Protein backbone atom coordinates (compact mmCIF):
# COMPACT_ATOMS: atom_id res chain seq x y z
CA UNK A 1 95.91 99.90 115.57
CA UNK A 2 93.07 100.91 113.21
CA UNK A 3 89.36 100.22 113.30
CA UNK A 4 86.77 99.50 110.61
CA UNK A 5 83.03 99.72 111.23
CA UNK A 6 80.90 97.60 108.90
CA UNK A 7 77.21 98.53 108.56
CA UNK A 8 74.85 96.05 106.96
CA UNK A 9 71.47 97.33 105.77
CA UNK A 10 68.78 95.93 103.46
CA UNK A 11 68.91 96.86 99.79
CA UNK A 12 65.77 99.01 99.85
CA UNK A 13 67.06 101.35 102.57
CA UNK A 14 70.69 101.22 101.49
CA UNK A 15 70.20 102.15 97.83
CA UNK A 16 69.61 105.84 98.57
CA UNK A 17 72.82 106.07 100.60
CA UNK A 18 74.67 104.13 97.92
CA UNK A 19 74.06 106.95 95.41
CA UNK A 20 76.74 108.99 97.20
CA UNK A 21 79.31 106.49 95.92
CA UNK A 22 79.26 107.23 92.19
CA UNK A 23 81.70 106.12 89.51
CA UNK A 24 82.84 102.70 88.40
CA UNK A 25 82.56 99.94 90.97
CA UNK A 26 84.85 96.96 91.41
CA UNK A 27 83.64 93.41 91.06
CA UNK A 28 84.75 90.95 93.71
CA UNK A 29 84.00 87.24 93.90
CA UNK A 30 80.92 87.87 96.07
CA UNK A 31 80.36 91.64 96.11
CA UNK A 32 80.41 94.74 93.98
CA UNK A 33 81.91 97.73 95.81
CA UNK A 34 82.76 101.43 95.43
CA UNK A 35 85.51 103.45 97.15
CA UNK A 36 85.22 107.12 98.11
CA UNK A 37 88.15 108.56 100.08
CA UNK A 38 88.48 106.23 103.08
CA UNK A 39 84.87 105.07 102.88
CA UNK A 40 83.59 102.00 101.09
CA UNK A 41 80.12 100.85 100.03
CA UNK A 42 79.05 97.69 98.27
CA UNK A 43 76.25 95.29 97.41
CA UNK A 44 75.99 91.66 98.44
CA UNK A 45 72.85 89.75 97.38
CA UNK A 46 69.86 91.70 98.79
CA UNK A 47 71.80 93.95 101.18
CA UNK A 48 74.17 96.93 101.09
CA UNK A 49 77.27 97.24 103.26
CA UNK A 50 79.15 100.38 104.22
CA UNK A 51 82.59 100.69 105.82
CA UNK A 52 83.23 103.72 108.06
CA UNK A 53 79.93 105.34 107.01
CA UNK A 54 77.15 105.98 109.52
CA UNK A 55 73.80 104.45 108.55
CA UNK A 56 70.62 104.44 110.63
CA UNK A 57 68.99 101.18 111.73
CA UNK A 58 71.78 98.95 110.50
CA UNK A 59 73.61 95.92 111.86
CA UNK A 60 77.10 97.02 112.96
CA UNK A 61 80.29 94.98 113.19
CA UNK A 62 83.51 96.42 114.62
CA UNK A 63 86.73 95.08 113.05
CA UNK A 64 90.00 96.02 114.76
CA UNK A 65 93.35 95.61 113.06
CA UNK A 66 96.15 94.74 115.48
CA UNK A 67 99.91 94.30 115.16
CA UNK A 68 100.18 91.41 117.61
CA UNK A 69 99.69 87.70 117.10
CA UNK A 70 96.18 86.45 117.87
CA UNK A 71 94.94 83.01 118.93
CA UNK A 72 93.24 81.76 115.77
CA UNK A 73 94.88 81.29 112.39
CA UNK A 74 93.12 81.91 109.11
CA UNK A 75 93.98 82.26 105.45
CA UNK A 76 95.21 85.86 105.69
CA UNK A 77 96.80 85.85 109.17
CA UNK A 78 95.52 85.48 112.74
CA UNK A 79 92.19 86.44 114.34
CA UNK A 80 90.03 86.52 117.46
CA UNK A 81 86.24 86.92 117.71
CA UNK A 82 84.28 88.00 120.78
CA UNK A 83 82.16 91.15 120.94
CA UNK A 84 84.52 92.52 118.26
CA UNK A 85 86.46 91.03 115.39
CA UNK A 86 90.23 91.35 115.78
CA UNK A 87 92.55 90.73 112.86
CA UNK A 88 96.29 90.64 112.40
CA UNK A 89 96.99 90.52 108.68
CA UNK A 90 98.12 92.51 105.67
CA UNK A 91 95.56 94.66 103.91
CA UNK A 92 93.73 92.92 101.07
CA UNK A 93 90.75 94.20 99.13
CA UNK A 94 89.63 90.58 98.60
CA UNK A 95 89.40 90.15 102.37
CA UNK A 96 88.09 93.53 103.55
CA UNK A 97 85.82 94.47 100.62
CA UNK A 98 84.65 91.07 99.41
CA UNK A 99 85.00 88.04 101.71
CA UNK A 100 84.51 89.78 105.04
CA UNK A 101 81.41 91.83 103.99
CA UNK A 102 79.85 88.67 102.53
CA UNK A 103 80.49 86.77 105.77
CA UNK A 104 79.10 89.56 107.96
CA UNK A 105 76.06 89.89 105.69
CA UNK A 106 75.33 86.16 106.00
CA UNK A 107 75.60 86.40 109.80
CA UNK A 108 73.05 89.23 109.62
CA UNK A 109 70.79 87.18 107.34
CA UNK A 110 70.98 84.17 109.68
CA UNK A 111 70.08 86.20 112.75
CA UNK A 112 67.18 87.89 110.94
CA UNK A 113 65.86 84.63 109.47
CA UNK A 114 66.10 82.87 112.82
CA UNK A 115 64.24 85.71 114.52
CA UNK A 116 61.46 85.51 111.90
CA UNK A 117 61.35 81.71 112.15
CA UNK A 118 61.06 81.87 115.92
CA UNK A 119 58.29 84.48 115.77
CA UNK A 120 56.38 82.36 113.26
CA UNK A 121 56.95 79.22 115.36
CA UNK A 122 55.54 80.90 118.47
CA UNK A 123 52.54 82.20 116.51
CA UNK A 124 51.88 78.73 115.05
CA UNK A 125 52.30 77.15 118.50
CA UNK A 126 49.63 79.46 119.89
CA UNK A 127 47.25 78.49 117.08
CA UNK A 128 48.29 74.84 117.48
CA UNK A 129 47.05 74.85 121.10
CA UNK A 130 43.63 75.95 119.86
CA UNK A 131 43.69 73.22 117.18
CA UNK A 132 44.65 70.48 119.67
CA UNK A 133 41.85 71.51 122.02
CA UNK A 134 39.40 71.31 119.13
CA UNK A 135 40.74 67.88 118.08
CA UNK A 136 40.36 66.55 121.63
CA UNK A 137 36.83 67.93 121.92
CA UNK A 138 35.67 66.58 118.56
CA UNK A 139 37.30 63.16 118.98
CA UNK A 140 35.39 62.44 122.20
CA UNK A 141 31.79 62.99 121.08
CA UNK A 142 32.06 62.51 117.30
CA UNK A 143 30.37 59.10 117.59
CA UNK A 144 27.18 60.75 118.89
CA UNK A 145 26.89 63.26 116.05
CA UNK A 146 24.53 63.02 113.11
CA UNK A 147 25.17 63.67 109.41
CA UNK A 148 24.47 67.43 109.55
CA UNK A 149 26.70 67.94 112.61
CA UNK A 150 29.51 65.82 111.13
CA UNK A 151 29.41 67.85 107.93
CA UNK A 152 29.78 71.05 109.98
CA UNK A 153 32.69 69.49 111.93
CA UNK A 154 34.42 68.48 108.69
CA UNK A 155 34.04 72.02 107.34
CA UNK A 156 35.65 73.37 110.52
CA UNK A 157 38.42 70.75 110.35
CA UNK A 158 39.10 71.67 106.74
CA UNK A 159 39.33 75.34 107.70
CA UNK A 160 41.69 74.59 110.61
CA UNK A 161 43.85 72.39 108.36
CA UNK A 162 44.00 74.99 105.59
CA UNK A 163 44.96 77.79 108.00
CA UNK A 164 47.50 75.67 109.88
CA UNK A 165 49.06 74.36 106.65
CA UNK A 166 49.37 77.91 105.28
CA UNK A 167 51.16 79.08 108.45
CA UNK A 168 53.38 75.98 108.44
CA UNK A 169 54.30 76.50 104.76
CA UNK A 170 55.33 80.10 105.53
CA UNK A 171 57.43 78.84 108.47
CA UNK A 172 59.16 76.24 106.27
CA UNK A 173 59.82 78.83 103.56
CA UNK A 174 61.60 81.02 106.12
CA UNK A 175 63.45 77.92 107.35
CA UNK A 176 64.70 77.20 103.84
CA UNK A 177 66.12 80.71 103.58
CA UNK A 178 67.85 80.19 106.92
CA UNK A 179 69.36 76.84 105.82
CA UNK A 180 70.61 78.35 102.56
CA UNK A 181 72.18 81.28 104.40
CA UNK A 182 73.90 78.92 106.85
CA UNK A 183 75.31 76.89 103.95
CA UNK A 184 76.74 80.06 102.37
CA UNK A 185 78.09 81.12 105.76
CA UNK A 186 79.84 77.78 106.24
CA UNK A 187 81.28 77.93 102.71
CA UNK A 188 82.72 81.40 103.43
CA UNK A 189 84.18 80.17 106.73
CA UNK A 190 85.89 77.32 104.88
CA UNK A 191 87.25 79.70 102.25
CA UNK A 192 88.62 82.01 104.94
CA UNK A 193 89.78 78.97 106.97
CA UNK A 194 88.17 80.31 110.13
CA UNK A 195 86.33 78.43 112.84
CA UNK A 196 83.43 80.63 113.90
CA UNK A 197 80.23 79.89 115.83
CA UNK A 198 78.02 76.97 114.82
CA UNK A 199 74.29 77.33 114.35
CA UNK A 200 73.49 73.68 115.08
CA UNK A 201 71.60 74.54 118.28
CA UNK A 202 69.34 77.01 116.48
CA UNK A 203 68.66 74.53 113.71
CA UNK A 204 67.85 71.83 116.27
CA UNK A 205 65.26 74.10 117.93
CA UNK A 206 63.59 74.85 114.59
CA UNK A 207 63.68 71.16 113.65
CA UNK A 208 61.83 70.30 116.86
CA UNK A 209 59.18 72.89 116.06
CA UNK A 210 58.88 71.54 112.50
CA UNK A 211 58.42 67.94 113.66
CA UNK A 212 55.81 69.04 116.22
CA UNK A 213 53.85 70.95 113.57
CA UNK A 214 54.01 67.97 111.19
CA UNK A 215 52.46 65.75 113.88
CA UNK A 216 49.63 68.23 114.40
CA UNK A 217 48.97 68.37 110.64
CA UNK A 218 48.99 64.58 110.54
CA UNK A 219 46.53 64.51 113.46
CA UNK A 220 44.20 66.88 111.61
CA UNK A 221 44.36 64.73 108.46
CA UNK A 222 43.74 61.52 110.44
CA UNK A 223 40.77 63.02 112.27
CA UNK A 224 39.37 64.31 108.98
CA UNK A 225 39.68 60.80 107.51
CA UNK A 226 37.93 59.25 110.51
CA UNK A 227 35.14 61.82 110.33
CA UNK A 228 34.83 61.14 106.61
CA UNK A 229 34.49 57.38 107.23
CA UNK A 230 31.93 57.98 109.97
CA UNK A 231 30.00 60.35 107.70
CA UNK A 232 30.07 57.83 104.83
CA UNK A 233 28.77 55.12 107.17
CA UNK A 234 25.88 57.34 108.32
CA UNK A 235 25.09 58.38 104.75
CA UNK A 236 25.10 54.75 103.61
CA UNK A 237 22.75 53.87 106.45
CA UNK A 238 20.41 56.70 105.45
CA UNK A 239 20.72 55.65 101.80
CA UNK A 240 19.76 52.03 102.56
CA UNK A 241 16.79 53.18 104.62
CA UNK A 242 15.74 55.47 101.79
CA UNK A 243 16.18 52.59 99.33
CA UNK A 244 13.90 50.42 101.46
CA UNK A 245 11.25 53.14 101.53
CA UNK A 246 11.67 53.73 97.80
CA UNK A 247 11.38 50.00 97.08
CA UNK A 248 8.19 49.82 99.13
CA UNK A 249 6.76 52.79 97.27
CA UNK A 250 7.79 51.29 93.93
CA UNK A 251 6.09 48.00 94.77
CA UNK A 252 2.98 49.89 95.84
CA UNK A 253 3.04 51.93 92.63
CA UNK A 254 3.42 48.76 90.53
CA UNK A 255 0.51 47.12 92.36
CA UNK A 256 -1.69 50.18 91.80
CA UNK A 257 -0.63 50.40 88.17
CA UNK A 258 -1.34 46.68 87.70
CA UNK A 259 -4.82 46.95 89.22
CA UNK A 260 -5.65 50.05 87.17
CA UNK A 261 -4.44 48.56 83.89
CA UNK A 262 -6.17 45.24 84.62
CA UNK A 263 -9.46 46.99 85.46
CA UNK A 264 -9.54 49.21 82.39
CA UNK A 265 -8.38 46.38 80.14
CA UNK A 266 -11.16 44.18 81.50
CA UNK A 267 -13.76 46.94 80.90
CA UNK A 268 -12.56 47.43 77.33
CA UNK A 269 -12.39 43.68 76.72
CA UNK A 270 -16.03 43.35 77.70
CA UNK A 271 -16.97 45.22 74.51
CA UNK A 272 -14.74 43.14 72.25
CA UNK A 273 -14.90 39.73 73.93
CA UNK A 274 -16.13 36.97 71.60
CA UNK A 275 -18.15 35.55 74.56
CA UNK A 276 -17.08 32.06 73.56
CA UNK A 277 -13.96 31.74 75.72
CA UNK A 278 -14.00 30.25 79.23
CA UNK A 279 -13.62 32.85 82.00
CA UNK A 280 -10.34 31.27 83.12
CA UNK A 281 -8.84 31.74 79.63
CA UNK A 282 -10.05 35.36 79.48
CA UNK A 283 -8.68 36.01 82.93
CA UNK A 284 -5.26 34.54 82.01
CA UNK A 285 -5.21 36.53 78.76
CA UNK A 286 -6.04 39.81 80.52
CA UNK A 287 -3.56 39.00 83.29
CA UNK A 288 -0.81 38.37 80.71
CA UNK A 289 -1.62 41.60 78.86
CA UNK A 290 -1.62 43.65 82.07
CA UNK A 291 1.67 42.09 83.26
CA UNK A 292 3.34 42.86 79.91
CA UNK A 293 2.10 46.49 79.93
CA UNK A 294 3.38 47.07 83.47
CA UNK A 295 6.70 45.41 82.59
CA UNK A 296 6.93 47.57 79.47
CA UNK A 297 6.69 50.81 81.50
CA UNK A 298 9.60 49.59 83.66
CA UNK A 299 11.56 48.66 80.52
CA UNK A 300 10.98 52.11 79.00
CA UNK A 301 12.22 53.72 82.23
CA UNK A 302 15.36 51.60 82.09
CA UNK A 303 15.92 52.58 78.45
CA UNK A 304 15.62 56.30 79.31
CA UNK A 305 18.22 55.86 82.08
CA UNK A 306 20.75 53.76 80.16
CA UNK A 307 19.88 54.66 76.54
CA UNK A 308 20.37 50.98 75.74
CA UNK A 309 17.82 48.40 74.57
CA UNK A 310 18.07 45.20 76.62
CA UNK A 311 17.15 41.64 75.58
CA UNK A 312 14.43 41.71 78.23
CA UNK A 313 12.95 44.83 76.63
CA UNK A 314 12.85 43.24 73.18
CA UNK A 315 11.17 40.10 74.55
CA UNK A 316 8.55 42.17 76.40
CA UNK A 317 7.71 44.25 73.31
CA UNK A 318 7.47 41.14 71.07
CA UNK A 319 5.35 39.29 73.65
CA UNK A 320 3.03 42.29 74.03
CA UNK A 321 2.59 42.63 70.27
CA UNK A 322 1.78 38.92 69.96
CA UNK A 323 -0.66 39.09 72.88
CA UNK A 324 -2.47 42.13 71.42
CA UNK A 325 -2.55 40.47 68.01
CA UNK A 326 -4.05 37.35 69.55
CA UNK A 327 -6.67 39.39 71.43
CA UNK A 328 -7.61 41.26 68.22
CA UNK A 329 -7.85 37.96 66.40
CA UNK A 330 -10.20 36.59 69.02
CA UNK A 331 -12.32 39.73 68.85
CA UNK A 332 -12.86 39.66 65.10
CA UNK A 333 -13.07 35.94 64.57
């Protein structure tokens, strides 16, 4: 019986140790590896593996080679897996320096990714509790809030949503790495024709977390939409009230303008009046002139806003010119 100890370490920490294995390396299907006496080192994706070489803070796998038949059959012989990996097969560099290191590295990746995913899930869950309490609190008394308070609530909701979405995106990114690693792990198991542990239970746990977080995000979006509708309704109400006040002020301004124009026009007309017209005709003439002048100021304002001359504006200007011309004619005749 012989024993092989596989050490898996990340690329950053393993590169320094890898320098001890100089010379030309061999290229396997999945790994690149170097041999030095009875020791082996190699690279698989973003990790380094060593065989029968002590490395600090690494993931260790013990592989024992036996001469007796074992329970499970695989491509190269028979095997058993419990706390150790037991193999009964002929030596093959493809198996021991390529396929097996890749498989053990993927198991390491999966465990690390799952640990990170779980840590992130617990952190998000803690923050989620705070978010749900806030949602419940805001939902109850939102109807009583005014525009200023609703705007503050929406700012807070936006901040909660942004922070929660950022944490959730990081969680999903780690999940994707886990799924990809599991797919590679399953492909290696198929190639070796081994039936090792399934990670369905771990994936199911993470899926439950993911669905729960999606619901919370959806709740935040729905509440934000409701607050937005409520805020729009309050703003529209304020706008209509402001419009009413503005309309009243505009009417008052028009009345004042009309009176002022009529008064000064009347005073000026006294100096130029032919004194032959009936008072009713003079009154109607001055009234028409004043009305056209007031209408003209409104037309000019409309032109400045739209930069477009309307038919109404043309008619007002023409009518005013004709009225003034008629008044001048009366004055000099």
